Amino acid sequence: MAKPNYSFEKRKKELERQKKKDEKKARKGEKDTDGTELDENGEEPETATVEA
């Protein structure tokens, strides 16, 4: 019977954690400097303005 390769499993888990961390960091980085959300194109979404 083959011996389990624990180092491979550990490396796989580390890569998954790093990927998740990078995705979270990227999501947080999608905010503009003034705190407004940016759409998927990196532009501010158009909002309806009410003119009086």
Protein backbone atom coordinates (compact mmCIF):
# COMPACT_ATOMS: atom_id res chain seq x y z
CA MET A 1 0.00 0.00 0.00
CA ALA A 2 1.27 3.49 -0.88
CA LYS A 3 2.19 5.94 1.81
CA PRO A 4 0.14 9.21 1.82
CA ASN A 5 2.01 12.27 0.58
CA TYR A 6 1.27 14.74 3.37
CA SER A 7 3.55 17.43 2.00
CA PHE A 8 1.50 17.53 -1.23
CA GLU A 9 -1.74 17.90 0.73
CA LYS A 10 -0.22 20.66 2.86
CA ARG A 11 1.04 22.54 -0.21
CA LYS A 12 -2.37 22.22 -1.88
CA LYS A 13 -4.12 23.70 1.18
CA GLU A 14 -1.57 26.54 1.34
CA LEU A 15 -2.19 27.39 -2.33
CA GLU A 16 -5.96 27.42 -1.77
CA ARG A 17 -5.58 29.72 1.24
CA GLN A 18 -3.28 32.07 -0.69
CA LYS A 19 -5.69 32.18 -3.64
CA LYS A 20 -8.61 33.01 -1.35
CA LYS A 21 -6.55 35.70 0.39
CA ASP A 22 -5.55 37.25 -2.96
CA GLU A 23 -9.18 37.28 -4.16
CA LYS A 24 -10.28 39.01 -0.97
CA LYS A 25 -7.48 41.57 -1.32
CA ALA A 26 -8.49 42.19 -4.95
CA ARG A 27 -12.13 42.72 -3.93
CA LYS A 28 -11.11 45.22 -1.28
CA GLY A 29 -8.88 46.96 -3.83
CA GLU A 30 -11.86 47.50 -6.16
CA LYS A 31 -13.00 50.44 -4.05
CA ASP A 32 -11.99 53.85 -5.34
CA THR A 33 -10.00 56.21 -3.13
CA ASP A 34 -13.14 58.11 -2.11
CA GLY A 35 -14.81 54.86 -1.00
CA THR A 36 -17.17 54.39 -3.94
CA GLU A 37 -17.54 50.97 -5.48
CA LEU A 38 -16.19 50.43 -8.97
CA ASP A 39 -17.88 48.17 -11.52
CA GLU A 40 -16.17 45.27 -13.29
CA ASN A 41 -14.62 47.68 -15.85
CA GLY A 42 -12.96 49.73 -13.13
CA GLU A 43 -15.31 52.67 -13.67
CA GLU A 44 -17.75 54.25 -11.28
CA PRO A 45 -21.30 53.00 -11.86
CA GLU A 46 -23.72 55.60 -13.15
CA THR A 47 -26.15 56.82 -10.54
CA ALA A 48 -29.43 58.59 -11.08
CA THR A 49 -29.08 62.25 -10.18
CA VAL A 50 -32.08 64.30 -9.18
CA GLU A 51 -31.96 67.85 -10.47
CA ALA A 52 -34.22 70.40 -8.81
